[in-house]
Amino acid sequence: KVRSEAIPEDPESERDWSTEAMDC
């Protein structure tokens, strides 16, 4: 759970997360 909560590791990342990837 601790590791899961750390994703994404960099909250300032400029990556454009897809809805489906984030929902997974």
PDB file of all heavy atoms in Angstrom:
ATOM      1  N   LYS A   1       0.844  -1.216   0.000  1.00  0.00           N
ATOM      2  CA  LYS A   1       0.000   0.000   0.000  1.00  0.00           C
ATOM      3  C   LYS A   1       0.865   1.247   0.000  1.00  0.00           C
ATOM      4  O   LYS A   1       0.569   2.216  -0.721  1.00  0.00           O
ATOM      5  CB  LYS A   1      -0.907  -0.005   1.233  1.00  0.00           C
ATOM      6  CG  LYS A   1      -1.934   1.127   1.250  1.00  0.00           C
ATOM      7  CD  LYS A   1      -3.014   0.900   0.222  1.00  0.00           C
ATOM      8  CE  LYS A   1      -4.200   1.851   0.398  1.00  0.00           C
ATOM      9  NZ  LYS A   1      -3.899   3.250   0.123  1.00  0.00           N
ATOM     10  N   VAL A   2       1.931   1.247   0.774  1.00  0.00           N
ATOM     11  CA  VAL A   2       2.838   2.402   0.805  1.00  0.00           C
ATOM     12  C   VAL A   2       3.437   2.626  -0.581  1.00  0.00           C
ATOM     13  O   VAL A   2       3.500   3.769  -1.068  1.00  0.00           O
ATOM     14  CB  VAL A   2       3.951   2.195   1.852  1.00  0.00           C
ATOM     15  CG1 VAL A   2       5.028   3.264   1.710  1.00  0.00           C
ATOM     16  CG2 VAL A   2       3.365   2.217   3.259  1.00  0.00           C
ATOM     17  N   ARG A   3       3.864   1.561  -1.221  1.00  0.00           N
ATOM     18  CA  ARG A   3       4.446   1.690  -2.556  1.00  0.00           C
ATOM     19  C   ARG A   3       3.400   2.145  -3.565  1.00  0.00           C
ATOM     20  O   ARG A   3       3.678   2.958  -4.458  1.00  0.00           O
ATOM     21  CB  ARG A   3       5.060   0.359  -2.982  1.00  0.00           C
ATOM     22  CG  ARG A   3       6.296  -0.029  -2.186  1.00  0.00           C
ATOM     23  CD  ARG A   3       6.684  -1.480  -2.431  1.00  0.00           C
ATOM     24  NE  ARG A   3       6.995  -1.739  -3.829  1.00  0.00           N
ATOM     25  CZ  ARG A   3       7.116  -2.963  -4.349  1.00  0.00           C
ATOM     26  NH1 ARG A   3       6.921  -4.035  -3.564  1.00  0.00           N
ATOM     27  NH2 ARG A   3       7.414  -3.117  -5.608  1.00  0.00           N
ATOM     28  N   SER A   4       2.192   1.618  -3.430  1.00  0.00           N
ATOM     29  CA  SER A   4       1.120   1.993  -4.353  1.00  0.00           C
ATOM     30  C   SER A   4       0.785   3.474  -4.239  1.00  0.00           C
ATOM     31  O   SER A   4       0.561   4.153  -5.250  1.00  0.00           O
ATOM     32  CB  SER A   4      -0.123   1.150  -4.056  1.00  0.00           C
ATOM     33  OG  SER A   4      -1.219   1.562  -4.842  1.00  0.00           O
ATOM     34  N   GLU A   5       0.768   3.989  -3.024  1.00  0.00           N
ATOM     35  CA  GLU A   5       0.435   5.395  -2.813  1.00  0.00           C
ATOM     36  C   GLU A   5       1.510   6.335  -3.335  1.00  0.00           C
ATOM     37  O   GLU A   5       1.261   7.532  -3.500  1.00  0.00           O
ATOM     38  CB  GLU A   5       0.204   5.655  -1.322  1.00  0.00           C
ATOM     39  CG  GLU A   5      -1.073   5.021  -0.794  1.00  0.00           C
ATOM     40  CD  GLU A   5      -1.242   5.181   0.692  1.00  0.00           C
ATOM     41  OE1 GLU A   5      -0.240   5.513   1.361  1.00  0.00           O
ATOM     42  OE2 GLU A   5      -2.362   4.972   1.186  1.00  0.00           O
ATOM     43  N   ALA A   6       2.708   5.794  -3.608  1.00  0.00           N
ATOM     44  CA  ALA A   6       3.807   6.622  -4.096  1.00  0.00           C
ATOM     45  C   ALA A   6       3.773   6.805  -5.609  1.00  0.00           C
ATOM     46  O   ALA A   6       4.628   7.483  -6.172  1.00  0.00           O
ATOM     47  CB  ALA A   6       5.143   6.006  -3.689  1.00  0.00           C
ATOM     48  N   ILE A   7       2.789   6.219  -6.291  1.00  0.00           N
ATOM     49  CA  ILE A   7       2.666   6.368  -7.744  1.00  0.00           C
ATOM     50  C   ILE A   7       1.624   7.446  -8.046  1.00  0.00           C
ATOM     51  O   ILE A   7       0.522   7.392  -7.505  1.00  0.00           O
ATOM     52  CB  ILE A   7       2.217   5.051  -8.404  1.00  0.00           C
ATOM     53  CG1 ILE A   7       3.160   3.910  -8.056  1.00  0.00           C
ATOM     54  CG2 ILE A   7       2.151   5.212  -9.909  1.00  0.00           C
ATOM     55  CD1 ILE A   7       2.677   2.556  -8.532  1.00  0.00           C
ATOM     56  N   PRO A   8       1.903   8.416  -8.939  1.00  0.00           N
ATOM     57  CA  PRO A   8       3.205   8.620  -9.561  1.00  0.00           C
ATOM     58  C   PRO A   8       4.212   9.175  -8.553  1.00  0.00           C
ATOM     59  O   PRO A   8       3.845   9.963  -7.686  1.00  0.00           O
ATOM     60  CB  PRO A   8       2.908   9.651 -10.659  1.00  0.00           C
ATOM     61  CG  PRO A   8       1.719  10.392 -10.145  1.00  0.00           C
ATOM     62  CD  PRO A   8       0.906   9.393  -9.367  1.00  0.00           C
ATOM     63  N   GLU A   9       5.459   8.745  -8.686  1.00  0.00           N
ATOM     64  CA  GLU A   9       6.464   9.131  -7.712  1.00  0.00           C
ATOM     65  C   GLU A   9       6.725  10.635  -7.735  1.00  0.00           C
ATOM     66  O   GLU A   9       7.047  11.236  -6.726  1.00  0.00           O
ATOM     67  CB  GLU A   9       7.765   8.369  -7.967  1.00  0.00           C
ATOM     68  CG  GLU A   9       7.620   6.868  -7.747  1.00  0.00           C
ATOM     69  CD  GLU A   9       8.907   6.126  -8.015  1.00  0.00           C
ATOM     70  OE1 GLU A   9       9.900   6.778  -8.347  1.00  0.00           O
ATOM     71  OE2 GLU A   9       8.913   4.896  -7.895  1.00  0.00           O
ATOM     72  N   ASP A  10       6.598  11.262  -8.907  1.00  0.00           N
ATOM     73  CA  ASP A  10       6.853  12.687  -9.030  1.00  0.00           C
ATOM     74  C   ASP A  10       5.553  13.411  -9.367  1.00  0.00           C
ATOM     75  O   ASP A  10       5.117  13.419 -10.516  1.00  0.00           O
ATOM     76  CB  ASP A  10       7.894  12.947 -10.127  1.00  0.00           C
ATOM     77  CG  ASP A  10       8.200  14.430 -10.300  1.00  0.00           C
ATOM     78  OD1 ASP A  10       7.679  15.226  -9.494  1.00  0.00           O
ATOM     79  OD2 ASP A  10       8.944  14.771 -11.234  1.00  0.00           O
ATOM     80  N   PRO A  11       4.886  14.007  -8.376  1.00  0.00           N
ATOM     81  CA  PRO A  11       3.605  14.667  -8.645  1.00  0.00           C
ATOM     82  C   PRO A  11       3.732  15.862  -9.576  1.00  0.00           C
ATOM     83  O   PRO A  11       2.739  16.323 -10.132  1.00  0.00           O
ATOM     84  CB  PRO A  11       3.129  15.094  -7.246  1.00  0.00           C
ATOM     85  CG  PRO A  11       4.373  15.199  -6.440  1.00  0.00           C
ATOM     86  CD  PRO A  11       5.285  14.120  -6.973  1.00  0.00           C
ATOM     87  N   GLU A  12       4.954  16.367  -9.746  1.00  0.00           N
ATOM     88  CA  GLU A  12       5.166  17.507 -10.646  1.00  0.00           C
ATOM     89  C   GLU A  12       5.514  17.051 -12.062  1.00  0.00           C
ATOM     90  O   GLU A  12       5.816  17.875 -12.921  1.00  0.00           O
ATOM     91  CB  GLU A  12       6.299  18.396 -10.104  1.00  0.00           C
ATOM     92  CG  GLU A  12       6.067  18.903  -8.688  1.00  0.00           C
ATOM     93  CD  GLU A  12       4.783  19.725  -8.581  1.00  0.00           C
ATOM     94  OE1 GLU A  12       4.493  20.473  -9.535  1.00  0.00           O
ATOM     95  OE2 GLU A  12       4.100  19.604  -7.560  1.00  0.00           O
ATOM     96  N   SER A  13       5.456  15.749 -12.288  1.00  0.00           N
ATOM     97  CA  SER A  13       5.795  15.227 -13.608  1.00  0.00           C
ATOM     98  C   SER A  13       4.887  15.836 -14.668  1.00  0.00           C
ATOM     99  O   SER A  13       3.695  16.054 -14.457  1.00  0.00           O
ATOM    100  CB  SER A  13       5.643  13.697 -13.625  1.00  0.00           C
ATOM    101  OG  SER A  13       5.753  13.201 -14.945  1.00  0.00           O
ATOM    102  N   GLU A  14       5.461  16.106 -15.827  1.00  0.00           N
ATOM    103  CA  GLU A  14       4.697  16.690 -16.930  1.00  0.00           C
ATOM    104  C   GLU A  14       4.060  15.615 -17.802  1.00  0.00           C
ATOM    105  O   GLU A  14       3.431  15.921 -18.807  1.00  0.00           O
ATOM    106  CB  GLU A  14       5.606  17.582 -17.782  1.00  0.00           C
ATOM    107  CG  GLU A  14       6.122  18.806 -17.014  1.00  0.00           C
ATOM    108  CD  GLU A  14       6.982  19.706 -17.879  1.00  0.00           C
ATOM    109  OE1 GLU A  14       7.184  19.356 -19.064  1.00  0.00           O
ATOM    110  OE2 GLU A  14       7.448  20.742 -17.380  1.00  0.00           O
ATOM    111  N   ARG A  15       4.192  14.357 -17.413  1.00  0.00           N
ATOM    112  CA  ARG A  15       3.575  13.293 -18.194  1.00  0.00           C
ATOM    113  C   ARG A  15       2.063  13.444 -18.186  1.00  0.00           C
ATOM    114  O   ARG A  15       1.449  13.746 -17.172  1.00  0.00           O
ATOM    115  CB  ARG A  15       3.959  11.920 -17.641  1.00  0.00           C
ATOM    116  CG  ARG A  15       5.398  11.522 -17.937  1.00  0.00           C
ATOM    117  CD  ARG A  15       5.592  10.021 -17.779  1.00  0.00           C
ATOM    118  NE  ARG A  15       6.951   9.643 -18.142  1.00  0.00           N
ATOM    119  CZ  ARG A  15       7.933   9.479 -17.271  1.00  0.00           C
ATOM    120  NH1 ARG A  15       7.700   9.656 -15.986  1.00  0.00           N
ATOM    121  NH2 ARG A  15       9.131   9.148 -17.662  1.00  0.00           N
ATOM    122  N   ASP A  16       1.478  13.228 -19.338  1.00  0.00           N
ATOM    123  CA  ASP A  16       0.029  13.330 -19.473  1.00  0.00           C
ATOM    124  C   ASP A  16      -0.562  11.938 -19.250  1.00  0.00           C
ATOM    125  O   ASP A  16      -0.635  11.128 -20.162  1.00  0.00           O
ATOM    126  CB  ASP A  16      -0.320  13.852 -20.877  1.00  0.00           C
ATOM    127  CG  ASP A  16      -1.811  14.073 -21.034  1.00  0.00           C
ATOM    128  OD1 ASP A  16      -2.514  14.088 -20.012  1.00  0.00           O
ATOM    129  OD2 ASP A  16      -2.268  14.226 -22.189  1.00  0.00           O
ATOM    130  N   TRP A  17      -0.979  11.677 -18.014  1.00  0.00           N
ATOM    131  CA  TRP A  17      -1.520  10.369 -17.678  1.00  0.00           C
ATOM    132  C   TRP A  17      -2.825  10.138 -18.428  1.00  0.00           C
ATOM    133  O   TRP A  17      -3.696  11.007 -18.448  1.00  0.00           O
ATOM    134  CB  TRP A  17      -1.784  10.271 -16.183  1.00  0.00           C
ATOM    135  CG  TRP A  17      -0.560   9.996 -15.379  1.00  0.00           C
ATOM    136  CD1 TRP A  17       0.389  10.898 -15.006  1.00  0.00           C
ATOM    137  CD2 TRP A  17      -0.159   8.735 -14.855  1.00  0.00           C
ATOM    138  NE1 TRP A  17       1.367  10.274 -14.277  1.00  0.00           N
ATOM    139  CE2 TRP A  17       1.053   8.939 -14.161  1.00  0.00           C
ATOM    140  CE3 TRP A  17      -0.712   7.460 -14.894  1.00  0.00           C
ATOM    141  CZ2 TRP A  17       1.726   7.925 -13.524  1.00  0.00           C
ATOM    142  CZ3 TRP A  17      -0.039   6.432 -14.255  1.00  0.00           C
ATOM    143  CH2 TRP A  17       1.163   6.666 -13.582  1.00  0.00           C
ATOM    144  N   SER A  18      -2.973   8.957 -19.005  1.00  0.00           N
ATOM    145  CA  SER A  18      -4.257   8.617 -19.605  1.00  0.00           C
ATOM    146  C   SER A  18      -5.235   8.267 -18.490  1.00  0.00           C
ATOM    147  O   SER A  18      -4.848   7.784 -17.419  1.00  0.00           O
ATOM    148  CB  SER A  18      -4.123   7.437 -20.577  1.00  0.00           C
ATOM    149  OG  SER A  18      -4.005   6.213 -19.877  1.00  0.00           O
ATOM    150  N   THR A  19      -6.509   8.527 -18.749  1.00  0.00           N
ATOM    151  CA  THR A  19      -7.549   8.205 -17.764  1.00  0.00           C
ATOM    152  C   THR A  19      -7.515   6.728 -17.396  1.00  0.00           C
ATOM    153  O   THR A  19      -7.582   6.360 -16.221  1.00  0.00           O
ATOM    154  CB  THR A  19      -8.936   8.563 -18.328  1.00  0.00           C
ATOM    155  OG1 THR A  19      -8.991   9.963 -18.563  1.00  0.00           O
ATOM    156  CG2 THR A  19     -10.046   8.150 -17.370  1.00  0.00           C
ATOM    157  N   GLU A  20      -7.396   5.875 -18.404  1.00  0.00           N
ATOM    158  CA  GLU A  20      -7.456   4.433 -18.179  1.00  0.00           C
ATOM    159  C   GLU A  20      -6.259   3.936 -17.374  1.00  0.00           C
ATOM    160  O   GLU A  20      -6.411   3.081 -16.500  1.00  0.00           O
ATOM    161  CB  GLU A  20      -7.533   3.704 -19.521  1.00  0.00           C
ATOM    162  CG  GLU A  20      -8.726   4.083 -20.375  1.00  0.00           C
ATOM    163  CD  GLU A  20      -8.507   5.354 -21.189  1.00  0.00           C
ATOM    164  OE1 GLU A  20      -7.382   5.916 -21.161  1.00  0.00           O
ATOM    165  OE2 GLU A  20      -9.467   5.798 -21.846  1.00  0.00           O
ATOM    166  N   ALA A  21      -5.073   4.488 -17.657  1.00  0.00           N
ATOM    167  CA  ALA A  21      -3.874   4.091 -16.912  1.00  0.00           C
ATOM    168  C   ALA A  21      -3.992   4.496 -15.452  1.00  0.00           C
ATOM    169  O   ALA A  21      -3.687   3.716 -14.538  1.00  0.00           O
ATOM    170  CB  ALA A  21      -2.631   4.716 -17.537  1.00  0.00           C
ATOM    171  N   MET A  22      -4.441   5.725 -15.213  1.00  0.00           N
ATOM    172  CA  MET A  22      -4.588   6.191 -13.842  1.00  0.00           C
ATOM    173  C   MET A  22      -5.662   5.400 -13.097  1.00  0.00           C
ATOM    174  O   MET A  22      -5.492   5.051 -11.924  1.00  0.00           O
ATOM    175  CB  MET A  22      -4.928   7.679 -13.832  1.00  0.00           C
ATOM    176  CG  MET A  22      -4.964   8.283 -12.442  1.00  0.00           C
ATOM    177  SD  MET A  22      -3.373   8.174 -11.556  1.00  0.00           S
ATOM    178  CE  MET A  22      -2.453   9.488 -12.366  1.00  0.00           C
ATOM    179  N   ASP A  23      -6.766   5.085 -13.785  1.00  0.00           N
ATOM    180  CA  ASP A  23      -7.828   4.326 -13.126  1.00  0.00           C
ATOM    181  C   ASP A  23      -7.375   2.912 -12.780  1.00  0.00           C
ATOM    182  O   ASP A  23      -7.812   2.351 -11.769  1.00  0.00           O
ATOM    183  CB  ASP A  23      -9.077   4.278 -14.012  1.00  0.00           C
ATOM    184  CG  ASP A  23      -9.807   5.617 -14.054  1.00  0.00           C
ATOM    185  OD1 ASP A  23      -9.558   6.461 -13.173  1.00  0.00           O
ATOM    186  OD2 ASP A  23     -10.628   5.819 -14.964  1.00  0.00           O
ATOM    187  N   CYS A  24      -6.501   2.336 -13.594  1.00  0.00           N
ATOM    188  CA  CYS A  24      -5.927   1.028 -13.281  1.00  0.00           C
ATOM    189  C   CYS A  24      -5.216   1.090 -11.926  1.00  0.00           C
ATOM    190  O   CYS A  24      -5.455   0.263 -11.036  1.00  0.00           O
ATOM    191  CB  CYS A  24      -4.952   0.606 -14.383  1.00  0.00           C
ATOM    192  SG  CYS A  24      -3.870  -0.791 -13.945  1.00  0.00           S
TER     193      CYS A  24
END
